[in-house]
Amino acid sequence: MAERRRFSRIIYQVPARLVQGDLVLDTTIQDLSLHGLLLRTDSIHTLNNDDLVLVYFTLSDSDIDISLEAAVVGFDQQTIRLKINHIDIESISHLKRLVELNVGDDALLHREIEFLSDLGELED
């Protein structure tokens, strides 16, 4: 099977809260990229793949809060796969810096950011 990912994923484990309508789940981020997240939870409920979710988390050893809106790509008993749909400029700046510090390849990171910019133009 061909690898389809265009974004570097980093292992980053912090608590996160996922909200979809009235459903609120306490989860843990397992890994993330500029484009998506993998969450783990002990209490999976049925998520609606057609409705967006809100995700909130605080960066480790800081008071920096990240909030984003994401689409549910899939889920099973303990994992939830999300694609970031919208993230505010301050949150994406912090997320970019986190990925940058962990990837260690500026050229790769800049290509990923350019790809995200192109996606935004295509969706307009």
PDB file of N, CA and C in Angstrom:
ATOM      1  N   MET A   1       0.841  -1.181   0.000  1.00  0.00           N
ATOM      2  CA  MET A   1       0.000   0.000   0.000  1.00  0.00           C
ATOM      3  C   MET A   1       0.886   1.243   0.000  1.00  0.00           C
ATOM      4  N   ALA A   2       0.593   2.188  -0.860  1.00  0.00           N
ATOM      5  CA  ALA A   2       1.400   3.397  -0.992  1.00  0.00           C
ATOM      6  C   ALA A   2       1.118   4.346   0.168  1.00  0.00           C
ATOM      7  N   GLU A   3       2.148   4.996   0.637  1.00  0.00           N
ATOM      8  CA  GLU A   3       2.023   5.978   1.710  1.00  0.00           C
ATOM      9  C   GLU A   3       1.432   7.255   1.128  1.00  0.00           C
ATOM     10  N   ARG A   4       0.324   7.743   1.684  1.00  0.00           N
ATOM     11  CA  ARG A   4      -0.357   8.918   1.158  1.00  0.00           C
ATOM     12  C   ARG A   4      -0.088  10.174   1.971  1.00  0.00           C
ATOM     13  N   ARG A   5       0.566  10.077   3.077  1.00  0.00           N
ATOM     14  CA  ARG A   5       0.766  11.245   3.935  1.00  0.00           C
ATOM     15  C   ARG A   5       1.690  12.253   3.272  1.00  0.00           C
ATOM     16  N   ARG A   6       1.318  13.524   3.396  1.00  0.00           N
ATOM     17  CA  ARG A   6       2.130  14.606   2.872  1.00  0.00           C
ATOM     18  C   ARG A   6       2.700  15.460   3.995  1.00  0.00           C
ATOM     19  N   PHE A   7       2.410  15.096   5.233  1.00  0.00           N
ATOM     20  CA  PHE A   7       2.815  15.896   6.375  1.00  0.00           C
ATOM     21  C   PHE A   7       3.555  15.036   7.383  1.00  0.00           C
ATOM     22  N   SER A   8       4.604  15.606   7.965  1.00  0.00           N
ATOM     23  CA  SER A   8       5.390  14.895   8.971  1.00  0.00           C
ATOM     24  C   SER A   8       4.587  14.792  10.259  1.00  0.00           C
ATOM     25  N   ARG A   9       4.484  13.585  10.768  1.00  0.00           N
ATOM     26  CA  ARG A   9       3.785  13.354  12.028  1.00  0.00           C
ATOM     27  C   ARG A   9       4.825  13.254  13.140  1.00  0.00           C
ATOM     28  N   ILE A  10       4.492  13.848  14.268  1.00  0.00           N
ATOM     29  CA  ILE A  10       5.385  13.751  15.418  1.00  0.00           C
ATOM     30  C   ILE A  10       4.618  13.122  16.576  1.00  0.00           C
ATOM     31  N   ILE A  11       5.334  12.365  17.362  1.00  0.00           N
ATOM     32  CA  ILE A  11       4.736  11.804  18.572  1.00  0.00           C
ATOM     33  C   ILE A  11       4.696  12.919  19.608  1.00  0.00           C
ATOM     34  N   TYR A  12       3.513  13.191  20.095  1.00  0.00           N
ATOM     35  CA  TYR A  12       3.330  14.269  21.062  1.00  0.00           C
ATOM     36  C   TYR A  12       2.119  13.898  21.906  1.00  0.00           C
ATOM     37  N   GLN A  13       2.343  13.503  23.125  1.00  0.00           N
ATOM     38  CA  GLN A  13       1.263  12.989  23.957  1.00  0.00           C
ATOM     39  C   GLN A  13       0.902  13.971  25.064  1.00  0.00           C
ATOM     40  N   VAL A  14      -0.278  14.563  24.904  1.00  0.00           N
ATOM     41  CA  VAL A  14      -0.834  15.479  25.906  1.00  0.00           C
ATOM     42  C   VAL A  14      -2.342  15.252  25.984  1.00  0.00           C
ATOM     43  N   PRO A  15      -2.942  15.567  27.125  1.00  0.00           N
ATOM     44  CA  PRO A  15      -4.402  15.466  27.229  1.00  0.00           C
ATOM     45  C   PRO A  15      -5.080  16.457  26.277  1.00  0.00           C
ATOM     46  N   ALA A  16      -6.222  16.063  25.751  1.00  0.00           N
ATOM     47  CA  ALA A  16      -7.000  16.933  24.866  1.00  0.00           C
ATOM     48  C   ALA A  16      -8.480  16.687  25.118  1.00  0.00           C
ATOM     49  N   ARG A  17      -9.267  17.685  24.847  1.00  0.00           N
ATOM     50  CA  ARG A  17     -10.719  17.555  24.965  1.00  0.00           C
ATOM     51  C   ARG A  17     -11.314  17.651  23.563  1.00  0.00           C
ATOM     52  N   LEU A  18     -12.174  16.691  23.235  1.00  0.00           N
ATOM     53  CA  LEU A  18     -12.859  16.660  21.948  1.00  0.00           C
ATOM     54  C   LEU A  18     -14.337  16.918  22.191  1.00  0.00           C
ATOM     55  N   VAL A  19     -14.917  17.818  21.412  1.00  0.00           N
ATOM     56  CA  VAL A  19     -16.328  18.169  21.566  1.00  0.00           C
ATOM     57  C   VAL A  19     -17.019  18.021  20.214  1.00  0.00           C
ATOM     58  N   GLN A  20     -18.137  17.297  20.221  1.00  0.00           N
ATOM     59  CA  GLN A  20     -18.988  17.196  19.036  1.00  0.00           C
ATOM     60  C   GLN A  20     -20.435  17.284  19.510  1.00  0.00           C
ATOM     61  N   GLY A  21     -21.044  18.436  19.282  1.00  0.00           N
ATOM     62  CA  GLY A  21     -22.404  18.653  19.789  1.00  0.00           C
ATOM     63  C   GLY A  21     -22.414  18.588  21.303  1.00  0.00           C
ATOM     64  N   ASP A  22     -23.245  17.712  21.869  1.00  0.00           N
ATOM     65  CA  ASP A  22     -23.328  17.545  23.321  1.00  0.00           C
ATOM     66  C   ASP A  22     -22.290  16.568  23.862  1.00  0.00           C
ATOM     67  N   LEU A  23     -21.605  15.861  22.973  1.00  0.00           N
ATOM     68  CA  LEU A  23     -20.615  14.864  23.387  1.00  0.00           C
ATOM     69  C   LEU A  23     -19.281  15.538  23.708  1.00  0.00           C
ATOM     70  N   VAL A  24     -18.746  15.264  24.891  1.00  0.00           N
ATOM     71  CA  VAL A  24     -17.433  15.770  25.303  1.00  0.00           C
ATOM     72  C   VAL A  24     -16.598  14.568  25.715  1.00  0.00           C
ATOM     73  N   LEU A  25     -15.451  14.391  25.064  1.00  0.00           N
ATOM     74  CA  LEU A  25     -14.562  13.268  25.377  1.00  0.00           C
ATOM     75  C   LEU A  25     -13.223  13.789  25.861  1.00  0.00           C
ATOM     76  N   ASP A  26     -12.733  13.228  26.956  1.00  0.00           N
ATOM     77  CA  ASP A  26     -11.365  13.485  27.387  1.00  0.00           C
ATOM     78  C   ASP A  26     -10.495  12.457  26.684  1.00  0.00           C
ATOM     79  N   THR A  27      -9.503  12.942  25.956  1.00  0.00           N
ATOM     80  CA  THR A  27      -8.657  12.083  25.133  1.00  0.00           C
ATOM     81  C   THR A  27      -7.198  12.414  25.389  1.00  0.00           C
ATOM     82  N   THR A  28      -6.323  11.685  24.727  1.00  0.00           N
ATOM     83  CA  THR A  28      -4.890  11.975  24.737  1.00  0.00           C
ATOM     84  C   THR A  28      -4.414  12.002  23.299  1.00  0.00           C
ATOM     85  N   ILE A  29      -3.732  13.061  22.928  1.00  0.00           N
ATOM     86  CA  ILE A  29      -3.130  13.110  21.597  1.00  0.00           C
ATOM     87  C   ILE A  29      -2.000  12.093  21.570  1.00  0.00           C
ATOM     88  N   GLN A  30      -1.957  11.280  20.532  1.00  0.00           N
ATOM     89  CA  GLN A  30      -0.881  10.299  20.347  1.00  0.00           C
ATOM     90  C   GLN A  30       0.180  10.830  19.392  1.00  0.00           C
ATOM     91  N   ASP A  31      -0.278  11.423  18.290  1.00  0.00           N
ATOM     92  CA  ASP A  31       0.638  12.098  17.378  1.00  0.00           C
ATOM     93  C   ASP A  31      -0.129  13.169  16.627  1.00  0.00           C
ATOM     94  N   LEU A  32       0.629  14.058  15.988  1.00  0.00           N
ATOM     95  CA  LEU A  32      -0.005  15.151  15.265  1.00  0.00           C
ATOM     96  C   LEU A  32       0.875  15.613  14.123  1.00  0.00           C
ATOM     97  N   SER A  33       0.263  16.362  13.228  1.00  0.00           N
ATOM     98  CA  SER A  33       0.966  16.996  12.119  1.00  0.00           C
ATOM     99  C   SER A  33       0.298  18.346  11.897  1.00  0.00           C
ATOM    100  N   LEU A  34       0.749  19.070  10.889  1.00  0.00           N
ATOM    101  CA  LEU A  34       0.096  20.329  10.552  1.00  0.00           C
ATOM    102  C   LEU A  34      -1.277  20.084   9.931  1.00  0.00           C
ATOM    103  N   HIS A  35      -1.579  18.843   9.649  1.00  0.00           N
ATOM    104  CA  HIS A  35      -2.801  18.511   8.928  1.00  0.00           C
ATOM    105  C   HIS A  35      -3.775  17.647   9.725  1.00  0.00           C
ATOM    106  N   GLY A  36      -3.304  16.980  10.782  1.00  0.00           N
ATOM    107  CA  GLY A  36      -4.211  16.092  11.497  1.00  0.00           C
ATOM    108  C   GLY A  36      -3.700  15.629  12.844  1.00  0.00           C
ATOM    109  N   LEU A  37      -4.557  14.858  13.529  1.00  0.00           N
ATOM    110  CA  LEU A  37      -4.254  14.361  14.871  1.00  0.00           C
ATOM    111  C   LEU A  37      -4.707  12.916  15.003  1.00  0.00           C
ATOM    112  N   LEU A  38      -4.016  12.189  15.842  1.00  0.00           N
ATOM    113  CA  LEU A  38      -4.461  10.864  16.256  1.00  0.00           C
ATOM    114  C   LEU A  38      -4.698  10.941  17.757  1.00  0.00           C
ATOM    115  N   LEU A  39      -5.933  10.663  18.179  1.00  0.00           N
ATOM    116  CA  LEU A  39      -6.299  10.728  19.591  1.00  0.00           C
ATOM    117  C   LEU A  39      -6.580   9.337  20.118  1.00  0.00           C
ATOM    118  N   ARG A  40      -6.349   9.167  21.407  1.00  0.00           N
ATOM    119  CA  ARG A  40      -6.665   7.905  22.083  1.00  0.00           C
ATOM    120  C   ARG A  40      -7.629   8.231  23.225  1.00  0.00           C
ATOM    121  N   THR A  41      -8.603   7.352  23.420  1.00  0.00           N
ATOM    122  CA  THR A  41      -9.570   7.548  24.492  1.00  0.00           C
ATOM    123  C   THR A  41      -9.969   6.201  25.080  1.00  0.00           C
ATOM    124  N   ASP A  42     -10.335   6.213  26.344  1.00  0.00           N
ATOM    125  CA  ASP A  42     -10.803   4.990  26.999  1.00  0.00           C
ATOM    126  C   ASP A  42     -12.312   4.837  26.877  1.00  0.00           C
ATOM    127  N   SER A  43     -12.983   5.911  26.529  1.00  0.00           N
ATOM    128  CA  SER A  43     -14.449   5.869  26.502  1.00  0.00           C
ATOM    129  C   SER A  43     -14.974   6.329  25.145  1.00  0.00           C
ATOM    130  N   ILE A  44     -14.752   5.511  24.132  1.00  0.00           N
ATOM    131  CA  ILE A  44     -15.197   5.893  22.797  1.00  0.00           C
ATOM    132  C   ILE A  44     -16.718   5.839  22.705  1.00  0.00           C
ATOM    133  N   HIS A  45     -17.254   6.820  22.097  1.00  0.00           N
ATOM    134  CA  HIS A  45     -18.679   6.884  21.803  1.00  0.00           C
ATOM    135  C   HIS A  45     -18.809   6.989  20.293  1.00  0.00           C
ATOM    136  N   THR A  46     -19.993   6.838  19.806  1.00  0.00           N
ATOM    137  CA  THR A  46     -20.193   6.958  18.372  1.00  0.00           C
ATOM    138  C   THR A  46     -20.061   8.414  17.964  1.00  0.00           C
ATOM    139  N   LEU A  47     -19.120   8.669  17.091  1.00  0.00           N
ATOM    140  CA  LEU A  47     -18.944  10.002  16.538  1.00  0.00           C
ATOM    141  C   LEU A  47     -19.631  10.047  15.179  1.00  0.00           C
ATOM    142  N   ASN A  48     -20.118  11.206  14.826  1.00  0.00           N
ATOM    143  CA  ASN A  48     -20.745  11.393  13.528  1.00  0.00           C
ATOM    144  C   ASN A  48     -19.676  11.871  12.548  1.00  0.00           C
ATOM    145  N   ASN A  49     -19.368  11.070  11.545  1.00  0.00           N
ATOM    146  CA  ASN A  49     -18.335  11.434  10.571  1.00  0.00           C
ATOM    147  C   ASN A  49     -18.715  12.657   9.745  1.00  0.00           C
ATOM    148  N   ASP A  50     -19.999  13.008   9.727  1.00  0.00           N
ATOM    149  CA  ASP A  50     -20.445  14.153   8.932  1.00  0.00           C
ATOM    150  C   ASP A  50     -20.349  15.476   9.682  1.00  0.00           C
ATOM    151  N   ASP A  51     -20.199  15.424  10.994  1.00  0.00           N
ATOM    152  CA  ASP A  51     -20.120  16.641  11.805  1.00  0.00           C
ATOM    153  C   ASP A  51     -18.687  16.896  12.247  1.00  0.00           C
ATOM    154  N   LEU A  52     -18.284  18.162  12.190  1.00  0.00           N
ATOM    155  CA  LEU A  52     -16.948  18.536  12.642  1.00  0.00           C
ATOM    156  C   LEU A  52     -16.861  18.428  14.163  1.00  0.00           C
ATOM    157  N   VAL A  53     -15.635  18.306  14.659  1.00  0.00           N
ATOM    158  CA  VAL A  53     -15.377  18.283  16.097  1.00  0.00           C
ATOM    159  C   VAL A  53     -14.488  19.463  16.454  1.00  0.00           C
ATOM    160  N   LEU A  54     -14.539  19.869  17.693  1.00  0.00           N
ATOM    161  CA  LEU A  54     -13.626  20.868  18.229  1.00  0.00           C
ATOM    162  C   LEU A  54     -12.653  20.142  19.133  1.00  0.00           C
ATOM    163  N   VAL A  55     -11.382  20.527  19.060  1.00  0.00           N
ATOM    164  CA  VAL A  55     -10.349  19.919  19.894  1.00  0.00           C
ATOM    165  C   VAL A  55      -9.603  21.039  20.601  1.00  0.00           C
ATOM    166  N   TYR A  56      -9.385  20.844  21.894  1.00  0.00           N
ATOM    167  CA  TYR A  56      -8.671  21.815  22.724  1.00  0.00           C
ATOM    168  C   TYR A  56      -7.573  21.092  23.489  1.00  0.00           C
ATOM    169  N   PHE A  57      -6.371  21.671  23.490  1.00  0.00           N
ATOM    170  CA  PHE A  57      -5.305  21.125  24.320  1.00  0.00           C
ATOM    171  C   PHE A  57      -4.310  22.225  24.651  1.00  0.00           C
ATOM    172  N   THR A  58      -3.525  21.974  25.695  1.00  0.00           N
ATOM    173  CA  THR A  58      -2.499  22.911  26.140  1.00  0.00           C
ATOM    174  C   THR A  58      -1.141  22.283  25.880  1.00  0.00           C
ATOM    175  N   LEU A  59      -0.231  23.062  25.307  1.00  0.00           N
ATOM    176  CA  LEU A  59       1.111  22.549  25.045  1.00  0.00           C
ATOM    177  C   LEU A  59       1.808  22.205  26.358  1.00  0.00           C
ATOM    178  N   SER A  60       2.591  21.150  26.328  1.00  0.00           N
ATOM    179  CA  SER A  60       3.313  20.691  27.523  1.00  0.00           C
ATOM    180  C   SER A  60       4.168  21.802  28.113  1.00  0.00           C
ATOM    181  N   ASP A  61       4.197  21.843  29.425  1.00  0.00           N
ATOM    182  CA  ASP A  61       5.047  22.784  30.163  1.00  0.00           C
ATOM    183  C   ASP A  61       4.836  24.232  29.734  1.00  0.00           C
ATOM    184  N   SER A  62       3.598  24.582  29.404  1.00  0.00           N
ATOM    185  CA  SER A  62       3.314  25.963  29.020  1.00  0.00           C
ATOM    186  C   SER A  62       1.865  26.283  29.351  1.00  0.00           C
ATOM    187  N   ASP A  63       1.499  27.519  29.095  1.00  0.00           N
ATOM    188  CA  ASP A  63       0.104  27.914  29.246  1.00  0.00           C
ATOM    189  C   ASP A  63      -0.504  28.243  27.884  1.00  0.00           C
ATOM    190  N   ILE A  64       0.109  27.714  26.822  1.00  0.00           N
ATOM    191  CA  ILE A  64      -0.358  27.972  25.459  1.00  0.00           C
ATOM    192  C   ILE A  64      -1.458  26.979  25.102  1.00  0.00           C
ATOM    193  N   ASP A  65      -2.640  27.529  24.838  1.00  0.00           N
ATOM    194  CA  ASP A  65      -3.789  26.703  24.468  1.00  0.00           C
ATOM    195  C   ASP A  65      -3.929  26.661  22.953  1.00  0.00           C
ATOM    196  N   ILE A  66      -4.206  25.475  22.446  1.00  0.00           N
ATOM    197  CA  ILE A  66      -4.444  25.271  21.019  1.00  0.00           C
ATOM    198  C   ILE A  66      -5.898  24.856  20.859  1.00  0.00           C
ATOM    199  N   SER A  67      -6.567  25.468  19.908  1.00  0.00           N
ATOM    200  CA  SER A  67      -7.935  25.049  19.592  1.00  0.00           C
ATOM    201  C   SER A  67      -8.056  24.933  18.082  1.00  0.00           C
ATOM    202  N   LEU A  68      -8.811  23.928  17.648  1.00  0.00           N
ATOM    203  CA  LEU A  68      -8.965  23.694  16.218  1.00  0.00           C
ATOM    204  C   LEU A  68     -10.280  22.991  15.945  1.00  0.00           C
ATOM    205  N   GLU A  69     -10.681  23.055  14.697  1.00  0.00           N
ATOM    206  CA  GLU A  69     -11.872  22.363  14.227  1.00  0.00           C
ATOM    207  C   GLU A  69     -11.399  21.289  13.255  1.00  0.00           C
ATOM    208  N   ALA A  70     -11.940  20.089  13.373  1.00  0.00           N
ATOM    209  CA  ALA A  70     -11.442  18.981  12.555  1.00  0.00           C
ATOM    210  C   ALA A  70     -12.577  18.085  12.081  1.00  0.00           C
ATOM    211  N   ALA A  71     -12.287  17.371  11.005  1.00  0.00           N
ATOM    212  CA  ALA A  71     -13.210  16.368  10.475  1.00  0.00           C
ATOM    213  C   ALA A  71     -12.780  15.001  10.987  1.00  0.00           C
ATOM    214  N   VAL A  72     -13.745  14.165  11.317  1.00  0.00           N
ATOM    215  CA  VAL A  72     -13.457  12.804  11.759  1.00  0.00           C
ATOM    216  C   VAL A  72     -13.156  11.968  10.518  1.00  0.00           C
ATOM    217  N   VAL A  73     -11.934  11.452  10.445  1.00  0.00           N
ATOM    218  CA  VAL A  73     -11.531  10.592   9.334  1.00  0.00           C
ATOM    219  C   VAL A  73     -11.944   9.156   9.627  1.00  0.00           C
ATOM    220  N   GLY A  74     -11.836   8.771  10.895  1.00  0.00           N
ATOM    221  CA  GLY A  74     -12.220   7.428  11.300  1.00  0.00           C
ATOM    222  C   GLY A  74     -12.024   7.255  12.791  1.00  0.00           C
ATOM    223  N   PHE A  75     -12.616   6.191  13.317  1.00  0.00           N
ATOM    224  CA  PHE A  75     -12.434   5.878  14.734  1.00  0.00           C
ATOM    225  C   PHE A  75     -12.716   4.408  14.949  1.00  0.00           C
ATOM    226  N   ASP A  76     -12.137   3.887  16.028  1.00  0.00           N
ATOM    227  CA  ASP A  76     -12.421   2.514  16.437  1.00  0.00           C
ATOM    228  C   ASP A  76     -12.572   2.512  17.950  1.00  0.00           C
ATOM    229  N   GLN A  77     -12.323   1.396  18.588  1.00  0.00           N
ATOM    230  CA  GLN A  77     -12.568   1.284  20.027  1.00  0.00           C
ATOM    231  C   GLN A  77     -11.802   2.295  20.870  1.00  0.00           C
ATOM    232  N   GLN A  78     -10.572   2.620  20.484  1.00  0.00           N
ATOM    233  CA  GLN A  78      -9.768   3.501  21.335  1.00  0.00           C
ATOM    234  C   GLN A  78      -9.075   4.639  20.601  1.00  0.00           C
ATOM    235  N   THR A  79      -9.175   4.713  19.292  1.00  0.00           N
ATOM    236  CA  THR A  79      -8.484   5.774  18.563  1.00  0.00           C
ATOM    237  C   THR A  79      -9.448   6.566  17.687  1.00  0.00           C
ATOM    238  N   ILE A  80      -9.110   7.836  17.522  1.00  0.00           N
ATOM    239  CA  ILE A  80      -9.885   8.743  16.681  1.00  0.00           C
ATOM    240  C   ILE A  80      -8.891   9.444  15.760  1.00  0.00           C
ATOM    241  N   ARG A  81      -9.125   9.362  14.460  1.00  0.00           N
ATOM    242  CA  ARG A  81      -8.269  10.013  13.473  1.00  0.00           C
ATOM    243  C   ARG A  81      -8.986  11.261  12.953  1.00  0.00           C
ATOM    244  N   LEU A  82      -8.282  12.391  13.003  1.00  0.00           N
ATOM    245  CA  LEU A  82      -8.877  13.668  12.628  1.00  0.00           C
ATOM    246  C   LEU A  82      -8.045  14.386  11.573  1.00  0.00           C
ATOM    247  N   LYS A  83      -8.729  15.101  10.694  1.00  0.00           N
ATOM    248  CA  LYS A  83      -8.089  15.984   9.716  1.00  0.00           C
ATOM    249  C   LYS A  83      -8.450  17.410  10.103  1.00  0.00           C
ATOM    250  N   ILE A  84      -7.448  18.254  10.297  1.00  0.00           N
ATOM    251  CA  ILE A  84      -7.695  19.639  10.697  1.00  0.00           C
ATOM    252  C   ILE A  84      -8.407  20.367   9.561  1.00  0.00           C
ATOM    253  N   ASN A  85      -9.531  20.972   9.909  1.00  0.00           N
ATOM    254  CA  ASN A  85     -10.335  21.707   8.945  1.00  0.00           C
ATOM    255  C   ASN A  85     -10.108  23.215   9.075  1.00  0.00           C
ATOM    256  N   HIS A  86      -9.999  23.686  10.320  1.00  0.00           N
ATOM    257  CA  HIS A  86      -9.779  25.112  10.577  1.00  0.00           C
ATOM    258  C   HIS A  86      -9.002  25.262  11.883  1.00  0.00           C
ATOM    259  N   ILE A  87      -8.031  26.179  11.848  1.00  0.00           N
ATOM    260  CA  ILE A  87      -7.249  26.476  13.049  1.00  0.00           C
ATOM    261  C   ILE A  87      -6.883  27.954  12.987  1.00  0.00           C
ATOM    262  N   ASP A  88      -6.997  28.654  14.101  1.00  0.00           N
ATOM    263  CA  ASP A  88      -6.700  30.085  14.098  1.00  0.00           C
ATOM    264  C   ASP A  88      -5.201  30.319  13.916  1.00  0.00           C
ATOM    265  N   ILE A  89      -4.845  31.510  13.527  1.00  0.00           N
ATOM    266  CA  ILE A  89      -3.463  31.838  13.171  1.00  0.00           C
ATOM    267  C   ILE A  89      -2.513  31.659  14.354  1.00  0.00           C
ATOM    268  N   GLU A  90      -2.950  32.008  15.547  1.00  0.00           N
ATOM    269  CA  GLU A  90      -2.085  31.858  16.721  1.00  0.00           C
ATOM    270  C   GLU A  90      -1.823  30.379  17.017  1.00  0.00           C
ATOM    271  N   SER A  91      -2.873  29.563  16.943  1.00  0.00           N
ATOM    272  CA  SER A  91      -2.718  28.130  17.205  1.00  0.00           C
ATOM    273  C   SER A  91      -1.839  27.461  16.155  1.00  0.00           C
ATOM    274  N   ILE A  92      -2.028  27.810  14.862  1.00  0.00           N
ATOM    275  CA  ILE A  92      -1.212  27.178  13.820  1.00  0.00           C
ATOM    276  C   ILE A  92       0.243  27.616  13.951  1.00  0.00           C
ATOM    277  N   SER A  93       0.481  28.830  14.416  1.00  0.00           N
ATOM    278  CA  SER A  93       1.860  29.286  14.626  1.00  0.00           C
ATOM    279  C   SER A  93       2.549  28.442  15.696  1.00  0.00           C
ATOM    280  N   HIS A  94       1.842  28.167  16.784  1.00  0.00           N
ATOM    281  CA  HIS A  94       2.412  27.335  17.848  1.00  0.00           C
ATOM    282  C   HIS A  94       2.585  25.889  17.382  1.00  0.00           C
ATOM    283  N   LEU A  95       1.608  25.382  16.643  1.00  0.00           N
ATOM    284  CA  LEU A  95       1.693  24.018  16.124  1.00  0.00           C
ATOM    285  C   LEU A  95       2.850  23.889  15.138  1.00  0.00           C
ATOM    286  N   LYS A  96       3.017  24.882  14.280  1.00  0.00           N
ATOM    287  CA  LYS A  96       4.133  24.895  13.327  1.00  0.00           C
ATOM    288  C   LYS A  96       5.463  24.856  14.069  1.00  0.00           C
ATOM    289  N   ARG A  97       5.585  25.647  15.111  1.00  0.00           N
ATOM    290  CA  ARG A  97       6.832  25.687  15.884  1.00  0.00           C
ATOM    291  C   ARG A  97       7.098  24.341  16.553  1.00  0.00           C
ATOM    292  N   LEU A  98       6.065  23.719  17.087  1.00  0.00           N
ATOM    293  CA  LEU A  98       6.201  22.407  17.717  1.00  0.00           C
ATOM    294  C   LEU A  98       6.695  21.372  16.704  1.00  0.00           C
ATOM    295  N   VAL A  99       6.079  21.347  15.535  1.00  0.00           N
ATOM    296  CA  VAL A  99       6.495  20.405  14.490  1.00  0.00           C
ATOM    297  C   VAL A  99       7.917  20.724  14.038  1.00  0.00           C
ATOM    298  N   GLU A 100       8.214  21.994  13.866  1.00  0.00           N
ATOM    299  CA  GLU A 100       9.542  22.434  13.436  1.00  0.00           C
ATOM    300  C   GLU A 100      10.628  21.939  14.396  1.00  0.00           C
ATOM    301  N   LEU A 101      10.380  22.062  15.684  1.00  0.00           N
ATOM    302  CA  LEU A 101      11.357  21.630  16.681  1.00  0.00           C
ATOM    303  C   LEU A 101      11.557  20.119  16.675  1.00  0.00           C
ATOM    304  N   ASN A 102      10.521  19.376  16.299  1.00  0.00           N
ATOM    305  CA  ASN A 102      10.595  17.920  16.330  1.00  0.00           C
ATOM    306  C   ASN A 102      10.993  17.285  15.009  1.00  0.00           C
ATOM    307  N   VAL A 103      10.734  17.949  13.892  1.00  0.00           N
ATOM    308  CA  VAL A 103      11.090  17.394  12.579  1.00  0.00           C
ATOM    309  C   VAL A 103      12.565  17.629  12.292  1.00  0.00           C
ATOM    310  N   GLY A 104      13.046  18.834  12.601  1.00  0.00           N
ATOM    311  CA  GLY A 104      14.458  19.133  12.402  1.00  0.00           C
ATOM    312  C   GLY A 104      14.860  19.326  10.951  1.00  0.00           C
ATOM    313  N   ASP A 105      13.900  19.475  10.040  1.00  0.00           N
ATOM    314  CA  ASP A 105      14.192  19.663   8.625  1.00  0.00           C
ATOM    315  C   ASP A 105      13.385  20.860   8.134  1.00  0.00           C
ATOM    316  N   ASP A 106      14.027  22.035   8.116  1.00  0.00           N
ATOM    317  CA  ASP A 106      13.324  23.260   7.733  1.00  0.00           C
ATOM    318  C   ASP A 106      12.764  23.198   6.321  1.00  0.00           C
ATOM    319  N   ALA A 107      13.520  22.613   5.393  1.00  0.00           N
ATOM    320  CA  ALA A 107      13.064  22.536   4.003  1.00  0.00           C
ATOM    321  C   ALA A 107      11.781  21.712   3.904  1.00  0.00           C
ATOM    322  N   LEU A 108      11.746  20.594   4.608  1.00  0.00           N
ATOM    323  CA  LEU A 108      10.557  19.745   4.603  1.00  0.00           C
ATOM    324  C   LEU A 108       9.368  20.491   5.197  1.00  0.00           C
ATOM    325  N   LEU A 109       9.586  21.176   6.297  1.00  0.00           N
ATOM    326  CA  LEU A 109       8.510  21.919   6.946  1.00  0.00           C
ATOM    327  C   LEU A 109       7.970  23.006   6.020  1.00  0.00           C
ATOM    328  N   HIS A 110       8.849  23.716   5.318  1.00  0.00           N
ATOM    329  CA  HIS A 110       8.402  24.774   4.409  1.00  0.00           C
ATOM    330  C   HIS A 110       7.601  24.203   3.239  1.00  0.00           C
ATOM    331  N   ARG A 111       7.989  23.022   2.743  1.00  0.00           N
ATOM    332  CA  ARG A 111       7.207  22.372   1.678  1.00  0.00           C
ATOM    333  C   ARG A 111       5.808  22.027   2.183  1.00  0.00           C
ATOM    334  N   GLU A 112       5.724  21.552   3.417  1.00  0.00           N
ATOM    335  CA  GLU A 112       4.422  21.205   3.989  1.00  0.00           C
ATOM    336  C   GLU A 112       3.548  22.448   4.148  1.00  0.00           C
ATOM    337  N   ILE A 113       4.132  23.547   4.575  1.00  0.00           N
ATOM    338  CA  ILE A 113       3.376  24.792   4.734  1.00  0.00           C
ATOM    339  C   ILE A 113       2.914  25.300   3.370  1.00  0.00           C
ATOM    340  N   GLU A 114       3.781  25.217   2.359  1.00  0.00           N
ATOM    341  CA  GLU A 114       3.382  25.615   1.008  1.00  0.00           C
ATOM    342  C   GLU A 114       2.229  24.757   0.514  1.00  0.00           C
ATOM    343  N   PHE A 115       2.280  23.461   0.807  1.00  0.00           N
ATOM    344  CA  PHE A 115       1.202  22.568   0.398  1.00  0.00           C
ATOM    345  C   PHE A 115      -0.104  22.971   1.073  1.00  0.00           C
ATOM    346  N   LEU A 116      -0.044  23.311   2.365  1.00  0.00           N
ATOM    347  CA  LEU A 116      -1.240  23.773   3.071  1.00  0.00           C
ATOM    348  C   LEU A 116      -1.781  25.049   2.436  1.00  0.00           C
ATOM    349  N   SER A 117      -0.894  25.964   2.052  1.00  0.00           N
ATOM    350  CA  SER A 117      -1.318  27.207   1.406  1.00  0.00           C
ATOM    351  C   SER A 117      -2.020  26.910   0.091  1.00  0.00           C
ATOM    352  N   ASP A 118      -1.484  25.974  -0.678  1.00  0.00           N
ATOM    353  CA  ASP A 118      -2.111  25.583  -1.942  1.00  0.00           C
ATOM    354  C   ASP A 118      -3.475  24.968  -1.706  1.00  0.00           C
ATOM    355  N   LEU A 119      -3.622  24.172  -0.656  1.00  0.00           N
ATOM    356  CA  LEU A 119      -4.918  23.569  -0.336  1.00  0.00           C
ATOM    357  C   LEU A 119      -5.949  24.643  -0.040  1.00  0.00           C
ATOM    358  N   GLY A 120      -5.534  25.666   0.689  1.00  0.00           N
ATOM    359  CA  GLY A 120      -6.450  26.755   1.010  1.00  0.00           C
ATOM    360  C   GLY A 120      -6.945  27.464  -0.235  1.00  0.00           C
ATOM    361  N   GLU A 121      -6.065  27.664  -1.216  1.00  0.00           N
ATOM    362  CA  GLU A 121      -6.462  28.303  -2.462  1.00  0.00           C
ATOM    363  C   GLU A 121      -7.427  27.420  -3.238  1.00  0.00           C
ATOM    364  N   LEU A 122      -7.216  26.104  -3.211  1.00  0.00           N
ATOM    365  CA  LEU A 122      -8.083  25.183  -3.937  1.00  0.00           C
ATOM    366  C   LEU A 122      -9.475  25.118  -3.335  1.00  0.00           C
ATOM    367  N   GLU A 123      -9.577  25.288  -2.019  1.00  0.00           N
ATOM    368  CA  GLU A 123     -10.860  25.161  -1.333  1.00  0.00           C
ATOM    369  C   GLU A 123     -11.683  26.437  -1.406  1.00  0.00           C
ATOM    370  N   ASP A 124     -11.069  27.560  -1.762  1.00  0.00           N
ATOM    371  CA  ASP A 124     -11.816  28.833  -1.848  1.00  0.00           C
ATOM    372  C   ASP A 124     -12.746  28.859  -3.034  1.00  0.00           C
TER     373      ASP A 124
END
